[in-house]
Amino acid sequence: FRQGPGKEREFVASHVHKDGSTYYADSVKGRF
């Protein structure tokens, strides 16, 4: 997760333990 200046904490990316699935926020897809 991340929290920028004056902003709320937001989700960035996750890695699920069961099967290794990954998820990304739209703002970082293709970059992170």
PDB file of all heavy atoms in Angstrom:
ATOM      1  N   PHE A   1       0.853  -1.171   0.000  1.00  0.00           N
ATOM      2  CA  PHE A   1       0.000   0.000   0.000  1.00  0.00           C
ATOM      3  C   PHE A   1       0.897   1.231   0.000  1.00  0.00           C
ATOM      4  O   PHE A   1       2.094   1.139   0.262  1.00  0.00           O
ATOM      5  CB  PHE A   1      -0.912   0.021   1.231  1.00  0.00           C
ATOM      6  CG  PHE A   1      -1.979  -1.034   1.227  1.00  0.00           C
ATOM      7  CD1 PHE A   1      -1.675  -2.360   1.474  1.00  0.00           C
ATOM      8  CD2 PHE A   1      -3.300  -0.687   0.981  1.00  0.00           C
ATOM      9  CE1 PHE A   1      -2.663  -3.330   1.472  1.00  0.00           C
ATOM     10  CE2 PHE A   1      -4.296  -1.650   0.973  1.00  0.00           C
ATOM     11  CZ  PHE A   1      -3.973  -2.972   1.220  1.00  0.00           C
ATOM     12  N   ARG A   2       0.307   2.379  -0.279  1.00  0.00           N
ATOM     13  CA  ARG A   2       1.076   3.619  -0.216  1.00  0.00           C
ATOM     14  C   ARG A   2       0.193   4.771   0.222  1.00  0.00           C
ATOM     15  O   ARG A   2      -1.018   4.740   0.053  1.00  0.00           O
ATOM     16  CB  ARG A   2       1.733   3.935  -1.563  1.00  0.00           C
ATOM     17  CG  ARG A   2       0.754   4.299  -2.671  1.00  0.00           C
ATOM     18  CD  ARG A   2       1.491   4.483  -3.989  1.00  0.00           C
ATOM     19  NE  ARG A   2       0.606   4.875  -5.071  1.00  0.00           N
ATOM     20  CZ  ARG A   2       0.966   4.984  -6.344  1.00  0.00           C
ATOM     21  NH1 ARG A   2       2.219   4.715  -6.696  1.00  0.00           N
ATOM     22  NH2 ARG A   2       0.084   5.353  -7.269  1.00  0.00           N
ATOM     23  N   GLN A   3       0.828   5.790   0.770  1.00  0.00           N
ATOM     24  CA  GLN A   3       0.120   6.979   1.195  1.00  0.00           C
ATOM     25  C   GLN A   3       0.929   8.209   0.803  1.00  0.00           C
ATOM     26  O   GLN A   3       2.011   8.441   1.348  1.00  0.00           O
ATOM     27  CB  GLN A   3      -0.134   6.968   2.700  1.00  0.00           C
ATOM     28  CG  GLN A   3      -0.993   8.120   3.189  1.00  0.00           C
ATOM     29  CD  GLN A   3      -1.446   7.922   4.624  1.00  0.00           C
ATOM     30  OE1 GLN A   3      -0.949   7.053   5.327  1.00  0.00           O
ATOM     31  NE2 GLN A   3      -2.400   8.723   5.042  1.00  0.00           N
ATOM     32  N   GLY A   4       0.420   8.980  -0.155  1.00  0.00           N
ATOM     33  CA  GLY A   4       1.075  10.190  -0.597  1.00  0.00           C
ATOM     34  C   GLY A   4       0.717  11.368   0.288  1.00  0.00           C
ATOM     35  O   GLY A   4      -0.187  11.289   1.118  1.00  0.00           O
ATOM     36  N   PRO A   5       1.409  12.495   0.115  1.00  0.00           N
ATOM     37  CA  PRO A   5       1.149  13.696   0.921  1.00  0.00           C
ATOM     38  C   PRO A   5      -0.304  14.156   0.793  1.00  0.00           C
ATOM     39  O   PRO A   5      -0.799  14.363  -0.314  1.00  0.00           O
ATOM     40  CB  PRO A   5       2.102  14.733   0.332  1.00  0.00           C
ATOM     41  CG  PRO A   5       3.190  13.923  -0.312  1.00  0.00           C
ATOM     42  CD  PRO A   5       2.499  12.705  -0.849  1.00  0.00           C
ATOM     43  N   GLY A   6      -0.988  14.295   1.910  1.00  0.00           N
ATOM     44  CA  GLY A   6      -2.366  14.752   1.914  1.00  0.00           C
ATOM     45  C   GLY A   6      -3.372  13.767   1.364  1.00  0.00           C
ATOM     46  O   GLY A   6      -4.523  14.146   1.102  1.00  0.00           O
ATOM     47  N   LYS A   7      -2.984  12.526   1.192  1.00  0.00           N
ATOM     48  CA  LYS A   7      -3.872  11.516   0.632  1.00  0.00           C
ATOM     49  C   LYS A   7      -4.118  10.372   1.609  1.00  0.00           C
ATOM     50  O   LYS A   7      -3.381  10.197   2.578  1.00  0.00           O
ATOM     51  CB  LYS A   7      -3.291  10.946  -0.664  1.00  0.00           C
ATOM     52  CG  LYS A   7      -3.099  11.959  -1.782  1.00  0.00           C
ATOM     53  CD  LYS A   7      -2.530  11.287  -3.027  1.00  0.00           C
ATOM     54  CE  LYS A   7      -2.349  12.275  -4.158  1.00  0.00           C
ATOM     55  NZ  LYS A   7      -1.794  11.618  -5.371  1.00  0.00           N
ATOM     56  N   GLU A   8      -5.167   9.607   1.323  1.00  0.00           N
ATOM     57  CA  GLU A   8      -5.447   8.413   2.104  1.00  0.00           C
ATOM     58  C   GLU A   8      -4.578   7.257   1.627  1.00  0.00           C
ATOM     59  O   GLU A   8      -4.104   7.247   0.490  1.00  0.00           O
ATOM     60  CB  GLU A   8      -6.918   8.029   1.980  1.00  0.00           C
ATOM     61  CG  GLU A   8      -7.893   9.076   2.491  1.00  0.00           C
ATOM     62  CD  GLU A   8      -7.776   9.289   3.978  1.00  0.00           C
ATOM     63  OE1 GLU A   8      -7.533   8.306   4.712  1.00  0.00           O
ATOM     64  OE2 GLU A   8      -7.920  10.444   4.416  1.00  0.00           O
ATOM     65  N   ARG A   9      -4.380   6.293   2.486  1.00  0.00           N
ATOM     66  CA  ARG A   9      -3.622   5.112   2.104  1.00  0.00           C
ATOM     67  C   ARG A   9      -4.385   4.337   1.025  1.00  0.00           C
ATOM     68  O   ARG A   9      -5.596   4.143   1.134  1.00  0.00           O
ATOM     69  CB  ARG A   9      -3.379   4.221   3.320  1.00  0.00           C
ATOM     70  CG  ARG A   9      -2.441   3.055   3.053  1.00  0.00           C
ATOM     71  CD  ARG A   9      -2.080   2.322   4.345  1.00  0.00           C
ATOM     72  NE  ARG A   9      -1.380   3.191   5.274  1.00  0.00           N
ATOM     73  CZ  ARG A   9      -0.859   2.782   6.430  1.00  0.00           C
ATOM     74  NH1 ARG A   9      -0.960   1.504   6.789  1.00  0.00           N
ATOM     75  NH2 ARG A   9      -0.250   3.648   7.227  1.00  0.00           N
ATOM     76  N   GLU A  10      -3.675   3.893  -0.011  1.00  0.00           N
ATOM     77  CA  GLU A  10      -4.305   3.207  -1.115  1.00  0.00           C
ATOM     78  C   GLU A  10      -3.587   1.909  -1.451  1.00  0.00           C
ATOM     79  O   GLU A  10      -2.386   1.761  -1.237  1.00  0.00           O
ATOM     80  CB  GLU A  10      -4.357   4.098  -2.364  1.00  0.00           C
ATOM     81  CG  GLU A  10      -2.987   4.451  -2.928  1.00  0.00           C
ATOM     82  CD  GLU A  10      -3.061   5.278  -4.203  1.00  0.00           C
ATOM     83  OE1 GLU A  10      -4.171   5.455  -4.744  1.00  0.00           O
ATOM     84  OE2 GLU A  10      -1.997   5.756  -4.661  1.00  0.00           O
ATOM     85  N   PHE A  11      -4.329   0.982  -2.014  1.00  0.00           N
ATOM     86  CA  PHE A  11      -3.795  -0.299  -2.443  1.00  0.00           C
ATOM     87  C   PHE A  11      -2.906  -0.141  -3.663  1.00  0.00           C
ATOM     88  O   PHE A  11      -3.213   0.637  -4.569  1.00  0.00           O
ATOM     89  CB  PHE A  11      -4.948  -1.251  -2.764  1.00  0.00           C
ATOM     90  CG  PHE A  11      -4.531  -2.509  -3.468  1.00  0.00           C
ATOM     91  CD1 PHE A  11      -3.962  -3.557  -2.767  1.00  0.00           C
ATOM     92  CD2 PHE A  11      -4.710  -2.644  -4.832  1.00  0.00           C
ATOM     93  CE1 PHE A  11      -3.578  -4.724  -3.407  1.00  0.00           C
ATOM     94  CE2 PHE A  11      -4.334  -3.800  -5.488  1.00  0.00           C
ATOM     95  CZ  PHE A  11      -3.762  -4.844  -4.766  1.00  0.00           C
ATOM     96  N   VAL A  12      -1.799  -0.887  -3.708  1.00  0.00           N
ATOM     97  CA  VAL A  12      -0.879  -0.856  -4.835  1.00  0.00           C
ATOM     98  C   VAL A  12      -0.814  -2.206  -5.540  1.00  0.00           C
ATOM     99  O   VAL A  12      -1.048  -2.302  -6.742  1.00  0.00           O
ATOM    100  CB  VAL A  12       0.535  -0.433  -4.405  1.00  0.00           C
ATOM    101  CG1 VAL A  12       1.499  -0.499  -5.587  1.00  0.00           C
ATOM    102  CG2 VAL A  12       0.515   0.975  -3.812  1.00  0.00           C
ATOM    103  N   ALA A  13      -0.486  -3.264  -4.795  1.00  0.00           N
ATOM    104  CA  ALA A  13      -0.327  -4.586  -5.390  1.00  0.00           C
ATOM    105  C   ALA A  13      -0.413  -5.653  -4.316  1.00  0.00           C
ATOM    106  O   ALA A  13      -0.143  -5.391  -3.148  1.00  0.00           O
ATOM    107  CB  ALA A  13       1.010  -4.698  -6.126  1.00  0.00           C
ATOM    108  N   SER A  14      -0.781  -6.876  -4.713  1.00  0.00           N
ATOM    109  CA  SER A  14      -0.838  -7.981  -3.768  1.00  0.00           C
ATOM    110  C   SER A  14      -0.422  -9.286  -4.426  1.00  0.00           C
ATOM    111  O   SER A  14      -0.527  -9.442  -5.646  1.00  0.00           O
ATOM    112  CB  SER A  14      -2.235  -8.124  -3.153  1.00  0.00           C
ATOM    113  OG  SER A  14      -3.194  -8.474  -4.138  1.00  0.00           O
ATOM    114  N   HIS A  15       0.032 -10.219  -3.608  1.00  0.00           N
ATOM    115  CA  HIS A  15       0.456 -11.540  -4.048  1.00  0.00           C
ATOM    116  C   HIS A  15      -0.236 -12.552  -3.153  1.00  0.00           C
ATOM    117  O   HIS A  15       0.046 -12.628  -1.960  1.00  0.00           O
ATOM    118  CB  HIS A  15       1.975 -11.666  -3.949  1.00  0.00           C
ATOM    119  CG  HIS A  15       2.517 -12.948  -4.504  1.00  0.00           C
ATOM    120  ND1 HIS A  15       2.455 -14.144  -3.834  1.00  0.00           N
ATOM    121  CD2 HIS A  15       3.162 -13.201  -5.673  1.00  0.00           C
ATOM    122  CE1 HIS A  15       3.024 -15.092  -4.564  1.00  0.00           C
ATOM    123  NE2 HIS A  15       3.461 -14.547  -5.677  1.00  0.00           N
ATOM    124  N   VAL A  16      -1.158 -13.335  -3.727  1.00  0.00           N
ATOM    125  CA  VAL A  16      -1.965 -14.280  -2.959  1.00  0.00           C
ATOM    126  C   VAL A  16      -1.158 -15.538  -2.666  1.00  0.00           C
ATOM    127  O   VAL A  16      -0.550 -16.118  -3.568  1.00  0.00           O
ATOM    128  CB  VAL A  16      -3.253 -14.639  -3.715  1.00  0.00           C
ATOM    129  CG1 VAL A  16      -4.079 -15.649  -2.921  1.00  0.00           C
ATOM    130  CG2 VAL A  16      -4.064 -13.383  -3.990  1.00  0.00           C
ATOM    131  N   HIS A  17      -1.185 -15.979  -1.416  1.00  0.00           N
ATOM    132  CA  HIS A  17      -0.335 -17.092  -1.003  1.00  0.00           C
ATOM    133  C   HIS A  17      -0.737 -18.431  -1.603  1.00  0.00           C
ATOM    134  O   HIS A  17       0.107 -19.285  -1.829  1.00  0.00           O
ATOM    135  CB  HIS A  17      -0.330 -17.192   0.528  1.00  0.00           C
ATOM    136  CG  HIS A  17      -1.637 -17.646   1.111  1.00  0.00           C
ATOM    137  ND1 HIS A  17      -2.717 -16.815   1.248  1.00  0.00           N
ATOM    138  CD2 HIS A  17      -2.017 -18.856   1.599  1.00  0.00           C
ATOM    139  CE1 HIS A  17      -3.721 -17.478   1.794  1.00  0.00           C
ATOM    140  NE2 HIS A  17      -3.321 -18.718   2.015  1.00  0.00           N
ATOM    141  N   LYS A  18      -2.032 -18.639  -1.863  1.00  0.00           N
ATOM    142  CA  LYS A  18      -2.522 -19.943  -2.311  1.00  0.00           C
ATOM    143  C   LYS A  18      -1.995 -20.348  -3.673  1.00  0.00           C
ATOM    144  O   LYS A  18      -1.517 -21.470  -3.846  1.00  0.00           O
ATOM    145  CB  LYS A  18      -4.050 -19.958  -2.333  1.00  0.00           C
ATOM    146  CG  LYS A  18      -4.693 -20.069  -0.971  1.00  0.00           C
ATOM    147  CD  LYS A  18      -6.186 -20.301  -1.114  1.00  0.00           C
ATOM    148  CE  LYS A  18      -6.829 -20.554   0.230  1.00  0.00           C
ATOM    149  NZ  LYS A  18      -8.286 -20.840   0.081  1.00  0.00           N
ATOM    150  N   ASP A  19      -2.088 -19.465  -4.637  1.00  0.00           N
ATOM    151  CA  ASP A  19      -1.750 -19.829  -6.007  1.00  0.00           C
ATOM    152  C   ASP A  19      -0.790 -18.865  -6.691  1.00  0.00           C
ATOM    153  O   ASP A  19      -0.495 -19.030  -7.873  1.00  0.00           O
ATOM    154  CB  ASP A  19      -3.016 -19.963  -6.849  1.00  0.00           C
ATOM    155  CG  ASP A  19      -3.864 -18.706  -6.859  1.00  0.00           C
ATOM    156  OD1 ASP A  19      -3.425 -17.684  -6.303  1.00  0.00           O
ATOM    157  OD2 ASP A  19      -4.970 -18.745  -7.424  1.00  0.00           O
ATOM    158  N   GLY A  20      -0.330 -17.862  -5.985  1.00  0.00           N
ATOM    159  CA  GLY A  20       0.595 -16.907  -6.556  1.00  0.00           C
ATOM    160  C   GLY A  20      -0.049 -15.850  -7.426  1.00  0.00           C
ATOM    161  O   GLY A  20       0.661 -15.132  -8.139  1.00  0.00           O
ATOM    162  N   SER A  21      -1.372 -15.746  -7.386  1.00  0.00           N
ATOM    163  CA  SER A  21      -2.060 -14.722  -8.165  1.00  0.00           C
ATOM    164  C   SER A  21      -1.628 -13.338  -7.720  1.00  0.00           C
ATOM    165  O   SER A  21      -1.366 -13.106  -6.534  1.00  0.00           O
ATOM    166  CB  SER A  21      -3.575 -14.856  -8.016  1.00  0.00           C
ATOM    167  OG  SER A  21      -4.022 -16.105  -8.508  1.00  0.00           O
ATOM    168  N   THR A  22      -1.567 -12.422  -8.671  1.00  0.00           N
ATOM    169  CA  THR A  22      -1.184 -11.051  -8.369  1.00  0.00           C
ATOM    170  C   THR A  22      -2.255 -10.082  -8.822  1.00  0.00           C
ATOM    171  O   THR A  22      -2.972 -10.331  -9.799  1.00  0.00           O
ATOM    172  CB  THR A  22       0.149 -10.680  -9.034  1.00  0.00           C
ATOM    173  OG1 THR A  22       0.042 -10.864 -10.454  1.00  0.00           O
ATOM    174  CG2 THR A  22       1.276 -11.557  -8.502  1.00  0.00           C
ATOM    175  N   TYR A  23      -2.359  -8.964  -8.113  1.00  0.00           N
ATOM    176  CA  TYR A  23      -3.329  -7.928  -8.423  1.00  0.00           C
ATOM    177  C   TYR A  23      -2.651  -6.574  -8.303  1.00  0.00           C
ATOM    178  O   TYR A  23      -1.775  -6.382  -7.462  1.00  0.00           O
ATOM    179  CB  TYR A  23      -4.531  -8.006  -7.477  1.00  0.00           C
ATOM    180  CG  TYR A  23      -5.262  -9.320  -7.550  1.00  0.00           C
ATOM    181  CD1 TYR A  23      -4.895 -10.387  -6.738  1.00  0.00           C
ATOM    182  CD2 TYR A  23      -6.306  -9.500  -8.451  1.00  0.00           C
ATOM    183  CE1 TYR A  23      -5.549 -11.602  -6.823  1.00  0.00           C
ATOM    184  CE2 TYR A  23      -6.966 -10.713  -8.541  1.00  0.00           C
ATOM    185  CZ  TYR A  23      -6.583 -11.760  -7.717  1.00  0.00           C
ATOM    186  OH  TYR A  23      -7.238 -12.968  -7.807  1.00  0.00           O
ATOM    187  N   TYR A  24      -3.077  -5.649  -9.153  1.00  0.00           N
ATOM    188  CA  TYR A  24      -2.469  -4.329  -9.189  1.00  0.00           C
ATOM    189  C   TYR A  24      -3.516  -3.239  -9.294  1.00  0.00           C
ATOM    190  O   TYR A  24      -4.566  -3.419  -9.918  1.00  0.00           O
ATOM    191  CB  TYR A  24      -1.526  -4.198 -10.385  1.00  0.00           C
ATOM    192  CG  TYR A  24      -0.368  -5.164 -10.367  1.00  0.00           C
ATOM    193  CD1 TYR A  24      -0.466  -6.405 -10.983  1.00  0.00           C
ATOM    194  CD2 TYR A  24       0.825  -4.821  -9.744  1.00  0.00           C
ATOM    195  CE1 TYR A  24       0.598  -7.293 -10.965  1.00  0.00           C
ATOM    196  CE2 TYR A  24       1.891  -5.702  -9.721  1.00  0.00           C
ATOM    197  CZ  TYR A  24       1.770  -6.940 -10.338  1.00  0.00           C
ATOM    198  OH  TYR A  24       2.829  -7.812 -10.319  1.00  0.00           O
ATOM    199  N   ALA A  25      -3.214  -2.106  -8.692  1.00  0.00           N
ATOM    200  CA  ALA A  25      -4.026  -0.927  -8.907  1.00  0.00           C
ATOM    201  C   ALA A  25      -3.852  -0.459 -10.349  1.00  0.00           C
ATOM    202  O   ALA A  25      -2.788  -0.623 -10.942  1.00  0.00           O
ATOM    203  CB  ALA A  25      -3.617   0.188  -7.944  1.00  0.00           C
ATOM    204  N   ASP A  26      -4.906   0.119 -10.919  1.00  0.00           N
ATOM    205  CA  ASP A  26      -4.842   0.575 -12.305  1.00  0.00           C
ATOM    206  C   ASP A  26      -3.701   1.572 -12.533  1.00  0.00           C
ATOM    207  O   ASP A  26      -3.095   1.593 -13.613  1.00  0.00           O
ATOM    208  CB  ASP A  26      -6.166   1.223 -12.713  1.00  0.00           C
ATOM    209  CG  ASP A  26      -7.281   0.211 -12.880  1.00  0.00           C
ATOM    210  OD1 ASP A  26      -6.982  -0.988 -13.044  1.00  0.00           O
ATOM    211  OD2 ASP A  26      -8.455   0.621 -12.853  1.00  0.00           O
ATOM    212  N   SER A  27      -3.406   2.365 -11.543  1.00  0.00           N
ATOM    213  CA  SER A  27      -2.400   3.404 -11.674  1.00  0.00           C
ATOM    214  C   SER A  27      -0.977   2.872 -11.835  1.00  0.00           C
ATOM    215  O   SER A  27      -0.091   3.602 -12.286  1.00  0.00           O
ATOM    216  CB  SER A  27      -2.451   4.351 -10.473  1.00  0.00           C
ATOM    217  OG  SER A  27      -2.225   3.653  -9.267  1.00  0.00           O
ATOM    218  N   VAL A  28      -0.750   1.600 -11.478  1.00  0.00           N
ATOM    219  CA  VAL A  28       0.604   1.045 -11.543  1.00  0.00           C
ATOM    220  C   VAL A  28       0.723  -0.141 -12.489  1.00  0.00           C
ATOM    221  O   VAL A  28       1.836  -0.650 -12.687  1.00  0.00           O
ATOM    222  CB  VAL A  28       1.115   0.642 -10.149  1.00  0.00           C
ATOM    223  CG1 VAL A  28       1.015   1.805  -9.175  1.00  0.00           C
ATOM    224  CG2 VAL A  28       0.357  -0.573  -9.616  1.00  0.00           C
ATOM    225  N   LYS A  29      -0.363  -0.581 -13.093  1.00  0.00           N
ATOM    226  CA  LYS A  29      -0.318  -1.717 -14.011  1.00  0.00           C
ATOM    227  C   LYS A  29       0.643  -1.446 -15.162  1.00  0.00           C
ATOM    228  O   LYS A  29       0.628  -0.382 -15.755  1.00  0.00           O
ATOM    229  CB  LYS A  29      -1.710  -2.019 -14.559  1.00  0.00           C
ATOM    230  CG  LYS A  29      -2.639  -2.693 -13.580  1.00  0.00           C
ATOM    231  CD  LYS A  29      -3.989  -2.992 -14.218  1.00  0.00           C
ATOM    232  CE  LYS A  29      -4.919  -3.687 -13.242  1.00  0.00           C
ATOM    233  NZ  LYS A  29      -6.252  -3.949 -13.834  1.00  0.00           N
ATOM    234  N   GLY A  30       1.469  -2.438 -15.458  1.00  0.00           N
ATOM    235  CA  GLY A  30       2.442  -2.307 -16.524  1.00  0.00           C
ATOM    236  C   GLY A  30       3.741  -1.668 -16.096  1.00  0.00           C
ATOM    237  O   GLY A  30       4.717  -1.688 -16.856  1.00  0.00           O
ATOM    238  N   ARG A  31       3.771  -1.088 -14.904  1.00  0.00           N
ATOM    239  CA  ARG A  31       4.981  -0.436 -14.399  1.00  0.00           C
ATOM    240  C   ARG A  31       5.558  -1.122 -13.170  1.00  0.00           C
ATOM    241  O   ARG A  31       6.774  -1.175 -13.003  1.00  0.00           O
ATOM    242  CB  ARG A  31       4.705   1.028 -14.079  1.00  0.00           C
ATOM    243  CG  ARG A  31       4.234   1.850 -15.272  1.00  0.00           C
ATOM    244  CD  ARG A  31       4.185   3.337 -14.938  1.00  0.00           C
ATOM    245  NE  ARG A  31       3.243   3.622 -13.849  1.00  0.00           N
ATOM    246  CZ  ARG A  31       3.581   4.202 -12.703  1.00  0.00           C
ATOM    247  NH1 ARG A  31       4.842   4.556 -12.473  1.00  0.00           N
ATOM    248  NH2 ARG A  31       2.659   4.435 -11.772  1.00  0.00           N
ATOM    249  N   PHE A  32       4.693  -1.632 -12.294  1.00  0.00           N
ATOM    250  CA  PHE A  32       5.127  -2.271 -11.052  1.00  0.00           C
ATOM    251  C   PHE A  32       4.927  -3.779 -11.137  1.00  0.00           C
ATOM    252  O   PHE A  32       3.978  -4.259 -11.776  1.00  0.00           O
ATOM    253  CB  PHE A  32       4.329  -1.747  -9.859  1.00  0.00           C
ATOM    254  CG  PHE A  32       4.597  -0.311  -9.489  1.00  0.00           C
ATOM    255  CD1 PHE A  32       5.353   0.522 -10.298  1.00  0.00           C
ATOM    256  CD2 PHE A  32       4.083   0.200  -8.307  1.00  0.00           C
ATOM    257  CE1 PHE A  32       5.595   1.842  -9.950  1.00  0.00           C
ATOM    258  CE2 PHE A  32       4.316   1.517  -7.941  1.00  0.00           C
ATOM    259  CZ  PHE A  32       5.072   2.337  -8.761  1.00  0.00           C
TER     260      PHE A  32
END
